[in-house]
N, C-alpha and C. Protein backbone atom coordinates (compact mmCIF):
# COMPACT_ATOMS: atom_id res chain seq x y z
N MET A 1 0.83 -1.20 0.00
CA MET A 1 0.00 0.00 0.00
C MET A 1 0.86 1.25 0.00
N LEU A 2 0.32 2.31 -0.56
CA LEU A 2 1.00 3.60 -0.56
C LEU A 2 1.06 4.16 0.86
N THR A 3 2.15 4.85 1.16
CA THR A 3 2.31 5.45 2.49
C THR A 3 2.62 6.93 2.33
N THR A 4 2.00 7.74 3.16
CA THR A 4 2.30 9.17 3.16
C THR A 4 2.46 9.65 4.60
N ALA A 5 3.24 10.70 4.77
CA ALA A 5 3.54 11.20 6.11
C ALA A 5 2.71 12.43 6.44
N LEU A 6 2.27 12.51 7.67
CA LEU A 6 1.54 13.67 8.18
C LEU A 6 2.15 14.09 9.50
N SER A 7 2.12 15.38 9.76
CA SER A 7 2.62 15.89 11.03
C SER A 7 1.48 16.53 11.80
N GLY A 8 1.27 16.05 13.03
CA GLY A 8 0.19 16.57 13.85
C GLY A 8 0.71 17.25 15.10
N THR A 9 -0.19 17.95 15.78
CA THR A 9 0.15 18.63 17.03
C THR A 9 -0.73 18.07 18.14
N LEU A 10 -0.10 17.68 19.22
CA LEU A 10 -0.84 17.11 20.34
C LEU A 10 -1.86 18.11 20.88
N ARG A 11 -3.08 17.64 21.10
CA ARG A 11 -4.13 18.52 21.65
C ARG A 11 -3.93 18.68 23.16
N GLU A 12 -3.85 19.91 23.58
CA GLU A 12 -3.71 20.17 25.01
C GLU A 12 -5.06 20.22 25.69
N ASN A 13 -6.10 20.58 24.93
CA ASN A 13 -7.44 20.70 25.49
C ASN A 13 -8.44 19.91 24.65
N LEU A 14 -9.36 19.22 25.33
CA LEU A 14 -10.41 18.49 24.65
C LEU A 14 -11.74 19.19 24.90
N GLY A 15 -12.77 18.72 24.23
CA GLY A 15 -14.08 19.32 24.42
C GLY A 15 -14.49 20.20 23.25
N THR A 16 -15.78 20.55 23.22
CA THR A 16 -16.37 21.29 22.10
C THR A 16 -15.77 22.68 21.93
N THR A 17 -15.61 23.40 23.02
CA THR A 17 -15.08 24.76 22.94
C THR A 17 -13.65 24.78 22.39
N ALA A 18 -12.83 23.84 22.88
CA ALA A 18 -11.45 23.76 22.41
C ALA A 18 -11.39 23.36 20.94
N ALA A 19 -12.26 22.42 20.55
CA ALA A 19 -12.29 21.97 19.16
C ALA A 19 -12.63 23.11 18.22
N LYS A 20 -13.58 23.94 18.63
CA LYS A 20 -13.97 25.10 17.82
C LYS A 20 -12.81 26.07 17.66
N ALA A 21 -12.07 26.28 18.72
CA ALA A 21 -10.93 27.20 18.68
C ALA A 21 -9.84 26.67 17.75
N TYR A 22 -9.61 25.35 17.78
CA TYR A 22 -8.62 24.75 16.88
C TYR A 22 -9.04 24.97 15.42
N ARG A 23 -10.32 24.73 15.11
CA ARG A 23 -10.80 24.89 13.73
C ARG A 23 -10.64 26.33 13.26
N GLU A 24 -10.94 27.27 14.14
CA GLU A 24 -10.82 28.69 13.78
C GLU A 24 -9.35 29.06 13.51
N ALA A 25 -8.43 28.30 14.06
CA ALA A 25 -7.00 28.55 13.86
C ALA A 25 -6.45 27.74 12.68
N GLY A 26 -7.34 27.09 11.92
CA GLY A 26 -6.90 26.34 10.74
C GLY A 26 -6.43 24.93 11.04
N GLN A 27 -6.79 24.42 12.21
CA GLN A 27 -6.43 23.06 12.61
C GLN A 27 -7.69 22.20 12.73
N VAL A 28 -7.58 20.93 12.34
CA VAL A 28 -8.73 20.02 12.42
C VAL A 28 -8.46 18.98 13.51
N PRO A 29 -9.35 18.87 14.50
CA PRO A 29 -9.18 17.85 15.54
C PRO A 29 -9.20 16.44 14.94
N ALA A 30 -8.34 15.58 15.47
CA ALA A 30 -8.26 14.20 14.98
C ALA A 30 -7.92 13.28 16.13
N VAL A 31 -8.15 11.99 15.91
CA VAL A 31 -7.85 11.00 16.95
C VAL A 31 -7.35 9.73 16.30
N ILE A 32 -6.38 9.09 16.94
CA ILE A 32 -5.92 7.76 16.54
C ILE A 32 -6.35 6.79 17.62
N TYR A 33 -7.12 5.78 17.25
CA TYR A 33 -7.53 4.75 18.20
C TYR A 33 -6.49 3.64 18.22
N ARG A 34 -6.06 3.28 19.42
CA ARG A 34 -5.02 2.27 19.59
C ARG A 34 -5.23 1.57 20.93
N PRO A 35 -4.66 0.37 21.09
CA PRO A 35 -4.84 -0.37 22.35
C PRO A 35 -4.38 0.39 23.58
N ALA A 36 -3.35 1.23 23.43
CA ALA A 36 -2.82 1.97 24.58
C ALA A 36 -3.70 3.16 24.95
N GLY A 37 -4.74 3.41 24.16
CA GLY A 37 -5.62 4.54 24.43
C GLY A 37 -5.62 5.52 23.26
N ALA A 38 -6.68 6.29 23.16
CA ALA A 38 -6.82 7.22 22.05
C ALA A 38 -5.79 8.35 22.14
N LEU A 39 -5.22 8.71 20.97
CA LEU A 39 -4.29 9.82 20.90
C LEU A 39 -5.00 10.98 20.19
N HIS A 40 -5.20 12.09 20.91
CA HIS A 40 -5.90 13.26 20.37
C HIS A 40 -4.88 14.29 19.89
N PHE A 41 -5.08 14.77 18.67
CA PHE A 41 -4.14 15.72 18.08
C PHE A 41 -4.88 16.55 17.03
N THR A 42 -4.16 17.45 16.36
CA THR A 42 -4.76 18.23 15.28
C THR A 42 -3.89 18.13 14.03
N LEU A 43 -4.53 18.30 12.87
CA LEU A 43 -3.83 18.36 11.59
C LEU A 43 -4.17 19.68 10.93
N HIS A 44 -3.25 20.20 10.14
CA HIS A 44 -3.52 21.45 9.43
C HIS A 44 -4.60 21.20 8.39
N VAL A 45 -5.49 22.15 8.20
CA VAL A 45 -6.63 21.99 7.31
C VAL A 45 -6.19 21.69 5.87
N ASN A 46 -5.04 22.21 5.43
CA ASN A 46 -4.56 21.94 4.06
C ASN A 46 -4.22 20.46 3.88
N ASP A 47 -3.60 19.86 4.91
CA ASP A 47 -3.28 18.42 4.86
C ASP A 47 -4.56 17.59 4.84
N VAL A 48 -5.54 18.03 5.61
CA VAL A 48 -6.82 17.32 5.68
C VAL A 48 -7.53 17.37 4.33
N ASN A 49 -7.52 18.51 3.67
CA ASN A 49 -8.17 18.64 2.37
C ASN A 49 -7.52 17.73 1.33
N LYS A 50 -6.19 17.62 1.36
CA LYS A 50 -5.48 16.72 0.44
C LYS A 50 -5.85 15.27 0.71
N LEU A 51 -5.92 14.93 1.99
CA LEU A 51 -6.28 13.57 2.39
C LEU A 51 -7.66 13.19 1.86
N LEU A 52 -8.63 14.08 2.05
CA LEU A 52 -10.00 13.79 1.66
C LEU A 52 -10.19 13.81 0.15
N ALA A 53 -9.36 14.55 -0.57
CA ALA A 53 -9.51 14.65 -2.03
C ALA A 53 -8.89 13.45 -2.75
N SER A 54 -8.01 12.71 -2.08
CA SER A 54 -7.31 11.61 -2.73
C SER A 54 -8.25 10.43 -2.99
N ARG A 55 -8.09 9.82 -4.16
CA ARG A 55 -8.87 8.63 -4.49
C ARG A 55 -8.12 7.35 -4.15
N GLU A 56 -6.86 7.51 -3.79
CA GLU A 56 -6.05 6.35 -3.43
C GLU A 56 -6.27 5.99 -1.96
N THR A 57 -5.85 4.80 -1.60
CA THR A 57 -5.91 4.37 -0.21
C THR A 57 -4.49 4.35 0.34
N TYR A 58 -4.29 5.08 1.40
CA TYR A 58 -2.96 5.23 1.96
C TYR A 58 -2.87 4.70 3.39
N LEU A 59 -1.65 4.32 3.75
CA LEU A 59 -1.27 4.25 5.15
C LEU A 59 -0.72 5.62 5.50
N TYR A 60 -1.05 6.11 6.67
CA TYR A 60 -0.56 7.42 7.09
C TYR A 60 0.41 7.26 8.25
N GLN A 61 1.65 7.71 8.04
CA GLN A 61 2.64 7.76 9.11
C GLN A 61 2.46 9.12 9.78
N ILE A 62 1.80 9.10 10.93
CA ILE A 62 1.48 10.36 11.62
C ILE A 62 2.46 10.58 12.77
N THR A 63 3.13 11.71 12.71
CA THR A 63 4.07 12.07 13.78
C THR A 63 3.42 13.13 14.67
N VAL A 64 3.32 12.80 15.94
CA VAL A 64 2.79 13.74 16.94
C VAL A 64 3.84 13.81 18.05
N GLY A 65 4.47 14.97 18.19
CA GLY A 65 5.57 15.09 19.15
C GLY A 65 6.73 14.21 18.70
N ASN A 66 7.21 13.34 19.60
CA ASN A 66 8.31 12.45 19.24
C ASN A 66 7.82 11.02 18.98
N GLU A 67 6.53 10.88 18.69
CA GLU A 67 5.93 9.57 18.43
C GLU A 67 5.41 9.51 17.00
N THR A 68 5.78 8.45 16.27
CA THR A 68 5.30 8.25 14.90
C THR A 68 4.53 6.93 14.84
N LEU A 69 3.29 7.02 14.37
CA LEU A 69 2.41 5.85 14.33
C LEU A 69 1.95 5.58 12.91
N THR A 70 1.87 4.29 12.55
CA THR A 70 1.33 3.90 11.25
C THR A 70 -0.16 3.68 11.41
N THR A 71 -0.95 4.39 10.59
CA THR A 71 -2.40 4.36 10.76
C THR A 71 -3.10 4.20 9.41
N ILE A 72 -4.40 3.94 9.51
CA ILE A 72 -5.28 3.94 8.35
C ILE A 72 -6.42 4.92 8.64
N PHE A 73 -6.78 5.70 7.64
CA PHE A 73 -7.88 6.66 7.82
C PHE A 73 -9.20 5.92 7.89
N ARG A 74 -10.02 6.28 8.87
CA ARG A 74 -11.30 5.59 9.06
C ARG A 74 -12.50 6.45 8.66
N SER A 75 -12.58 7.67 9.15
CA SER A 75 -13.77 8.47 8.85
C SER A 75 -13.55 9.94 9.12
N ALA A 76 -14.44 10.74 8.53
CA ALA A 76 -14.45 12.19 8.77
C ALA A 76 -15.87 12.60 9.09
N GLN A 77 -16.00 13.52 10.02
CA GLN A 77 -17.32 14.07 10.35
C GLN A 77 -17.38 15.50 9.81
N PHE A 78 -18.48 15.81 9.10
CA PHE A 78 -18.62 17.12 8.48
C PHE A 78 -19.74 17.92 9.16
N HIS A 79 -19.61 19.23 9.10
CA HIS A 79 -20.66 20.11 9.62
C HIS A 79 -21.92 19.89 8.78
N PRO A 80 -23.09 19.71 9.41
CA PRO A 80 -24.31 19.38 8.67
C PRO A 80 -24.81 20.48 7.74
N VAL A 81 -24.40 21.73 7.99
CA VAL A 81 -24.88 22.84 7.16
C VAL A 81 -23.78 23.38 6.25
N HIS A 82 -22.61 23.67 6.83
CA HIS A 82 -21.55 24.35 6.08
C HIS A 82 -20.56 23.38 5.43
N ASP A 83 -20.65 22.10 5.75
CA ASP A 83 -19.90 21.03 5.08
C ASP A 83 -18.38 21.09 5.27
N TYR A 84 -17.89 21.82 6.26
CA TYR A 84 -16.46 21.74 6.54
C TYR A 84 -16.20 20.58 7.50
N VAL A 85 -14.94 20.15 7.57
CA VAL A 85 -14.58 18.98 8.38
C VAL A 85 -14.57 19.34 9.86
N LEU A 86 -15.28 18.55 10.64
CA LEU A 86 -15.29 18.76 12.09
C LEU A 86 -14.16 17.99 12.77
N ASP A 87 -13.99 16.73 12.39
CA ASP A 87 -12.92 15.92 12.97
C ASP A 87 -12.65 14.68 12.13
N LEU A 88 -11.53 14.05 12.41
CA LEU A 88 -11.09 12.86 11.68
C LEU A 88 -10.80 11.72 12.64
N GLU A 89 -10.94 10.50 12.15
CA GLU A 89 -10.60 9.33 12.95
C GLU A 89 -9.64 8.43 12.17
N PHE A 90 -8.60 7.98 12.86
CA PHE A 90 -7.63 7.04 12.31
C PHE A 90 -7.56 5.83 13.24
N ALA A 91 -7.09 4.71 12.69
CA ALA A 91 -6.89 3.51 13.51
C ALA A 91 -5.44 3.07 13.37
N LEU A 92 -4.87 2.63 14.47
CA LEU A 92 -3.49 2.16 14.48
C LEU A 92 -3.37 0.88 13.65
N VAL A 93 -2.30 0.79 12.86
CA VAL A 93 -2.02 -0.40 12.06
C VAL A 93 -0.81 -1.11 12.67
N GLU A 94 -0.97 -2.41 12.91
CA GLU A 94 0.12 -3.23 13.44
C GLU A 94 0.41 -4.37 12.49
N ASP A 95 1.70 -4.74 12.38
CA ASP A 95 2.11 -5.77 11.42
C ASP A 95 1.44 -7.12 11.66
N THR A 96 1.08 -7.39 12.91
CA THR A 96 0.56 -8.71 13.24
C THR A 96 -0.96 -8.79 13.25
N ARG A 97 -1.64 -7.67 13.03
CA ARG A 97 -3.11 -7.66 13.05
C ARG A 97 -3.67 -7.33 11.68
N PRO A 98 -4.58 -8.17 11.17
CA PRO A 98 -5.21 -7.86 9.88
C PRO A 98 -6.04 -6.59 9.98
N ILE A 99 -6.09 -5.85 8.89
CA ILE A 99 -6.95 -4.67 8.83
C ILE A 99 -7.96 -4.85 7.70
N THR A 100 -9.08 -4.17 7.81
CA THR A 100 -10.08 -4.15 6.75
C THR A 100 -10.09 -2.76 6.15
N VAL A 101 -9.97 -2.71 4.82
CA VAL A 101 -9.82 -1.42 4.15
C VAL A 101 -10.39 -1.51 2.73
N ASP A 102 -10.82 -0.38 2.19
CA ASP A 102 -11.31 -0.32 0.82
C ASP A 102 -10.16 0.08 -0.11
N LEU A 103 -9.87 -0.78 -1.11
CA LEU A 103 -8.80 -0.50 -2.07
C LEU A 103 -9.39 -0.21 -3.44
N PRO A 104 -8.71 0.63 -4.23
CA PRO A 104 -9.19 0.93 -5.58
C PRO A 104 -9.23 -0.34 -6.44
N LEU A 105 -10.22 -0.41 -7.32
CA LEU A 105 -10.34 -1.53 -8.26
C LEU A 105 -9.83 -1.09 -9.63
N LYS A 106 -8.92 -1.88 -10.20
CA LYS A 106 -8.40 -1.61 -11.54
C LYS A 106 -8.76 -2.76 -12.47
N LEU A 107 -9.42 -2.46 -13.58
CA LEU A 107 -9.78 -3.46 -14.57
C LEU A 107 -8.70 -3.51 -15.64
N VAL A 108 -8.27 -4.73 -15.99
CA VAL A 108 -7.24 -4.88 -17.03
C VAL A 108 -7.74 -5.88 -18.07
N GLY A 109 -7.17 -5.80 -19.27
CA GLY A 109 -7.52 -6.72 -20.34
C GLY A 109 -8.61 -6.15 -21.23
N THR A 110 -8.70 -6.71 -22.43
CA THR A 110 -9.74 -6.34 -23.38
C THR A 110 -10.63 -7.55 -23.62
N SER A 111 -11.90 -7.42 -23.32
CA SER A 111 -12.81 -8.56 -23.42
C SER A 111 -13.27 -8.76 -24.87
N PRO A 112 -13.63 -10.02 -25.22
CA PRO A 112 -14.20 -10.28 -26.55
C PRO A 112 -15.44 -9.44 -26.81
N GLY A 113 -16.23 -9.22 -25.75
CA GLY A 113 -17.44 -8.42 -25.90
C GLY A 113 -17.15 -6.98 -26.29
N MET A 114 -16.05 -6.45 -25.80
CA MET A 114 -15.68 -5.07 -26.14
C MET A 114 -15.21 -4.96 -27.58
N THR A 115 -14.52 -6.00 -28.08
CA THR A 115 -13.97 -5.92 -29.43
C THR A 115 -15.06 -5.93 -30.50
N ILE A 116 -16.27 -6.38 -30.15
CA ILE A 116 -17.36 -6.37 -31.13
C ILE A 116 -18.39 -5.28 -30.82
N GLY A 117 -18.00 -4.34 -29.99
CA GLY A 117 -18.85 -3.18 -29.78
C GLY A 117 -19.50 -3.05 -28.43
N GLY A 118 -19.27 -4.00 -27.53
CA GLY A 118 -19.85 -3.92 -26.19
C GLY A 118 -19.22 -2.79 -25.39
N LYS A 119 -19.98 -2.27 -24.43
CA LYS A 119 -19.51 -1.17 -23.59
C LYS A 119 -19.18 -1.66 -22.19
N LEU A 120 -17.96 -1.38 -21.76
CA LEU A 120 -17.54 -1.79 -20.42
C LEU A 120 -18.14 -0.86 -19.38
N ILE A 121 -18.85 -1.44 -18.41
CA ILE A 121 -19.42 -0.69 -17.29
C ILE A 121 -18.75 -1.19 -16.01
N GLN A 122 -17.97 -0.31 -15.36
CA GLN A 122 -17.35 -0.68 -14.09
C GLN A 122 -18.34 -0.43 -12.97
N LYS A 123 -18.72 -1.49 -12.27
CA LYS A 123 -19.75 -1.40 -11.24
C LYS A 123 -19.23 -0.91 -9.89
N LEU A 124 -17.97 -1.21 -9.61
CA LEU A 124 -17.37 -0.81 -8.34
C LEU A 124 -16.12 0.02 -8.58
N ARG A 125 -15.88 0.98 -7.72
CA ARG A 125 -14.64 1.74 -7.76
C ARG A 125 -13.65 1.25 -6.72
N LYS A 126 -14.19 0.69 -5.62
CA LYS A 126 -13.33 0.18 -4.56
C LYS A 126 -13.85 -1.18 -4.09
N VAL A 127 -12.93 -1.98 -3.57
CA VAL A 127 -13.24 -3.32 -3.08
C VAL A 127 -12.78 -3.41 -1.63
N ARG A 128 -13.63 -3.93 -0.77
CA ARG A 128 -13.27 -4.07 0.65
C ARG A 128 -12.49 -5.37 0.86
N VAL A 129 -11.31 -5.23 1.44
CA VAL A 129 -10.43 -6.38 1.64
C VAL A 129 -9.97 -6.45 3.08
N LYS A 130 -9.43 -7.63 3.45
CA LYS A 130 -8.90 -7.83 4.80
C LYS A 130 -7.61 -8.60 4.71
N GLY A 131 -6.61 -8.15 5.46
CA GLY A 131 -5.34 -8.86 5.48
C GLY A 131 -4.30 -8.09 6.25
N LEU A 132 -3.12 -8.69 6.40
CA LEU A 132 -2.01 -8.00 7.03
C LEU A 132 -1.54 -6.89 6.10
N VAL A 133 -1.17 -5.77 6.66
CA VAL A 133 -0.81 -4.62 5.85
C VAL A 133 0.34 -4.93 4.90
N SER A 134 1.24 -5.83 5.32
CA SER A 134 2.38 -6.19 4.47
C SER A 134 1.95 -7.00 3.25
N LYS A 135 0.74 -7.57 3.29
CA LYS A 135 0.26 -8.40 2.18
C LYS A 135 -0.72 -7.67 1.27
N LEU A 136 -1.16 -6.49 1.66
CA LEU A 136 -2.17 -5.79 0.89
C LEU A 136 -1.56 -5.06 -0.31
N PRO A 137 -2.18 -5.17 -1.47
CA PRO A 137 -1.66 -4.48 -2.65
C PRO A 137 -2.06 -3.01 -2.65
N GLN A 138 -1.51 -2.27 -3.59
CA GLN A 138 -1.89 -0.86 -3.75
C GLN A 138 -3.29 -0.75 -4.32
N GLU A 139 -3.67 -1.73 -5.16
CA GLU A 139 -4.99 -1.77 -5.78
C GLU A 139 -5.37 -3.21 -6.07
N VAL A 140 -6.65 -3.46 -6.21
CA VAL A 140 -7.14 -4.79 -6.57
C VAL A 140 -7.29 -4.82 -8.08
N VAL A 141 -6.65 -5.81 -8.71
CA VAL A 141 -6.66 -5.90 -10.17
C VAL A 141 -7.58 -7.03 -10.61
N ALA A 142 -8.48 -6.73 -11.54
CA ALA A 142 -9.41 -7.73 -12.08
C ALA A 142 -9.21 -7.83 -13.59
N ASP A 143 -8.96 -9.05 -14.07
CA ASP A 143 -8.77 -9.30 -15.50
C ASP A 143 -10.12 -9.59 -16.14
N ILE A 144 -10.53 -8.74 -17.07
CA ILE A 144 -11.84 -8.90 -17.71
C ILE A 144 -11.73 -9.45 -19.13
N SER A 145 -10.57 -10.03 -19.47
CA SER A 145 -10.34 -10.47 -20.85
C SER A 145 -11.20 -11.67 -21.26
N HIS A 146 -11.95 -12.24 -20.33
CA HIS A 146 -12.82 -13.39 -20.66
C HIS A 146 -14.29 -12.99 -20.85
N LEU A 147 -14.62 -11.73 -20.62
CA LEU A 147 -16.02 -11.32 -20.63
C LEU A 147 -16.58 -11.14 -22.03
N ASN A 148 -17.71 -11.79 -22.29
CA ASN A 148 -18.42 -11.64 -23.55
C ASN A 148 -19.57 -10.65 -23.39
N LEU A 149 -20.24 -10.36 -24.49
CA LEU A 149 -21.38 -9.45 -24.47
C LEU A 149 -22.42 -9.88 -23.45
N GLY A 150 -22.91 -8.94 -22.69
CA GLY A 150 -23.98 -9.21 -21.74
C GLY A 150 -23.54 -9.94 -20.49
N LYS A 151 -22.25 -10.17 -20.32
CA LYS A 151 -21.75 -10.93 -19.17
C LYS A 151 -21.14 -10.01 -18.13
N SER A 152 -21.14 -10.50 -16.88
CA SER A 152 -20.57 -9.75 -15.76
C SER A 152 -19.50 -10.56 -15.06
N MET A 153 -18.53 -9.87 -14.49
CA MET A 153 -17.56 -10.51 -13.61
C MET A 153 -17.95 -10.20 -12.19
N LYS A 154 -18.00 -11.23 -11.35
CA LYS A 154 -18.44 -11.04 -9.97
C LYS A 154 -17.30 -11.25 -8.99
N ILE A 155 -17.53 -10.79 -7.77
CA ILE A 155 -16.52 -10.88 -6.71
C ILE A 155 -15.99 -12.30 -6.56
N ARG A 156 -16.87 -13.29 -6.65
CA ARG A 156 -16.46 -14.68 -6.42
C ARG A 156 -15.42 -15.17 -7.41
N GLU A 157 -15.30 -14.52 -8.54
CA GLU A 157 -14.32 -14.92 -9.56
C GLU A 157 -12.91 -14.44 -9.24
N MET A 158 -12.79 -13.53 -8.29
CA MET A 158 -11.49 -13.02 -7.90
C MET A 158 -10.72 -14.06 -7.11
N LYS A 159 -9.41 -14.11 -7.30
CA LYS A 159 -8.55 -15.05 -6.59
C LYS A 159 -7.40 -14.29 -5.92
N PRO A 160 -7.72 -13.54 -4.86
CA PRO A 160 -6.66 -12.75 -4.20
C PRO A 160 -5.63 -13.64 -3.51
N GLU A 161 -4.41 -13.18 -3.49
CA GLU A 161 -3.32 -13.93 -2.84
C GLU A 161 -2.82 -13.16 -1.63
N GLY A 162 -2.87 -13.79 -0.47
CA GLY A 162 -2.34 -13.17 0.74
C GLY A 162 -3.34 -12.31 1.50
N TYR A 163 -4.52 -12.14 0.94
CA TYR A 163 -5.57 -11.37 1.62
C TYR A 163 -6.92 -11.88 1.14
N SER A 164 -8.00 -11.43 1.75
CA SER A 164 -9.33 -11.88 1.36
C SER A 164 -10.22 -10.68 1.03
N ILE A 165 -11.23 -10.93 0.21
CA ILE A 165 -12.21 -9.90 -0.12
C ILE A 165 -13.43 -10.15 0.77
N VAL A 166 -13.84 -9.12 1.50
CA VAL A 166 -14.94 -9.27 2.46
C VAL A 166 -16.20 -8.57 1.93
N MET A 167 -16.64 -9.06 0.79
CA MET A 167 -17.87 -8.58 0.16
C MET A 167 -18.61 -9.79 -0.41
N SER A 168 -19.90 -9.67 -0.62
CA SER A 168 -20.68 -10.76 -1.17
C SER A 168 -20.14 -11.18 -2.53
N GLY A 169 -20.05 -12.49 -2.74
CA GLY A 169 -19.56 -13.02 -4.00
C GLY A 169 -20.45 -12.71 -5.18
N ASP A 170 -21.70 -12.34 -4.92
CA ASP A 170 -22.66 -12.05 -6.01
C ASP A 170 -22.55 -10.63 -6.55
N ILE A 171 -21.76 -9.79 -5.90
CA ILE A 171 -21.65 -8.40 -6.36
C ILE A 171 -20.84 -8.34 -7.65
N PRO A 172 -21.38 -7.70 -8.70
CA PRO A 172 -20.62 -7.59 -9.95
C PRO A 172 -19.56 -6.50 -9.88
N LEU A 173 -18.39 -6.79 -10.47
CA LEU A 173 -17.32 -5.81 -10.57
C LEU A 173 -17.44 -5.01 -11.86
N ALA A 174 -17.81 -5.73 -12.94
CA ALA A 174 -17.89 -5.09 -14.25
C ALA A 174 -18.83 -5.88 -15.14
N THR A 175 -19.43 -5.18 -16.09
CA THR A 175 -20.37 -5.78 -17.04
C THR A 175 -20.05 -5.27 -18.44
N ILE A 176 -20.20 -6.15 -19.43
CA ILE A 176 -20.09 -5.72 -20.82
C ILE A 176 -21.51 -5.51 -21.34
N GLU A 177 -21.88 -4.25 -21.40
CA GLU A 177 -23.24 -3.89 -21.80
C GLU A 177 -23.41 -4.03 -23.32
N ILE A 178 -24.58 -4.55 -23.71
CA ILE A 178 -24.87 -4.71 -25.13
C ILE A 178 -25.46 -3.40 -25.66
N PRO A 179 -24.80 -2.74 -26.62
CA PRO A 179 -25.35 -1.50 -27.15
C PRO A 179 -26.62 -1.76 -27.95
N ARG A 180 -27.42 -0.76 -28.07
CA ARG A 180 -28.71 -0.89 -28.75
C ARG A 180 -28.55 -1.45 -30.17
N SER A 181 -27.50 -1.03 -30.85
CA SER A 181 -27.29 -1.46 -32.23
C SER A 181 -27.03 -2.96 -32.36
N LEU A 182 -26.59 -3.59 -31.27
CA LEU A 182 -26.27 -5.03 -31.31
C LEU A 182 -27.33 -5.89 -30.63
N ARG A 183 -28.31 -5.30 -29.94
CA ARG A 183 -29.25 -6.08 -29.14
C ARG A 183 -30.07 -7.06 -29.96
N GLN A 184 -30.57 -6.63 -31.11
CA GLN A 184 -31.41 -7.51 -31.92
C GLN A 184 -30.61 -8.70 -32.43
N GLU A 185 -29.40 -8.42 -32.90
CA GLU A 185 -28.53 -9.50 -33.40
C GLU A 185 -28.16 -10.45 -32.27
N TYR A 186 -27.86 -9.89 -31.10
CA TYR A 186 -27.50 -10.72 -29.95
C TYR A 186 -28.66 -11.61 -29.54
N ALA A 187 -29.89 -11.07 -29.56
CA ALA A 187 -31.07 -11.85 -29.19
C ALA A 187 -31.29 -13.03 -30.13
N LYS A 188 -31.01 -12.83 -31.40
CA LYS A 188 -31.17 -13.93 -32.38
C LYS A 188 -30.16 -15.06 -32.12
N GLU A 189 -28.91 -14.65 -31.79
CA GLU A 189 -27.86 -15.63 -31.57
C GLU A 189 -27.95 -16.28 -30.18
N ASN A 190 -28.63 -15.63 -29.25
CA ASN A 190 -28.74 -16.13 -27.87
C ASN A 190 -30.18 -16.13 -27.43
N PRO A 191 -31.01 -16.99 -28.05
CA PRO A 191 -32.42 -17.03 -27.67
C PRO A 191 -32.61 -17.51 -26.24
N GLY A 192 -33.59 -16.94 -25.57
CA GLY A 192 -33.91 -17.38 -24.20
C GLY A 192 -34.68 -18.67 -24.22
N PRO A 193 -35.06 -19.21 -23.07
CA PRO A 193 -35.83 -20.46 -23.04
C PRO A 193 -37.19 -20.29 -23.72
N ALA A 194 -37.60 -21.32 -24.39
CA ALA A 194 -38.88 -21.27 -25.12
C ALA A 194 -40.04 -21.10 -24.16
N LYS A 195 -40.98 -20.22 -24.53
CA LYS A 195 -42.16 -20.03 -23.70
C LYS A 195 -43.20 -21.11 -23.99
N LYS A 196 -43.86 -21.58 -22.92
CA LYS A 196 -44.89 -22.62 -23.08
C LYS A 196 -46.22 -21.98 -23.37
C-alpha cells in the first residue's frame, strides 16, 4: 500500500469549545484509536483537504511530538450545514493484526465483448479487503479479458493472494453492456428459453 507522512500537534485541550478554537486557527481535531488509548491531536486543514480529495488508499505515518504511528484513515465528520470537516478518525495499524480497508479496483484486459462493440461498465470503484498490511496491494486488479457481451464478472471470480475480499460473491465488478445497435442481433444468436 502507498504510504504518506503527516505531522500533527498534540491537543492540550479536549471538548467542544477547544475543538472550535482549533478549527478557527486552521487546525482540524483528529484522533488515533489504539490499544494503549486514544491519541488526540490536530492536523492542518490543508493536509486534511489533500487527504480527503485523494482517491487512493494510503497508510498514514502520523508524527505527533516524538511519536510516529502507522495508521489507516477511518472516517471524517462534516458540519451538517456548512460542510467543513469537524474531525477525523484514524486507527493504528500493526504488522501482526489484519486490517479491513477499501482498495481501488483496476480493470485490465480487453474482453471479446468489447472488441465487437460492447460497452464496459465498471460497477465498483473500490473493493473491501482484509489482510495483514504487508500483504495488501496498492490496488485490486481484475482481469476482464474473458467477458463476452452481456456478461458480468463477480466478486467470487477473484482469486486474491495473501488477503481476502470481504464482500458478497454475487456483487458484480464489471459488465459488458450490449449496445442498442447489437441487441437484436445478440437476441437472435442467444435465444432465451422457449415459452410454453
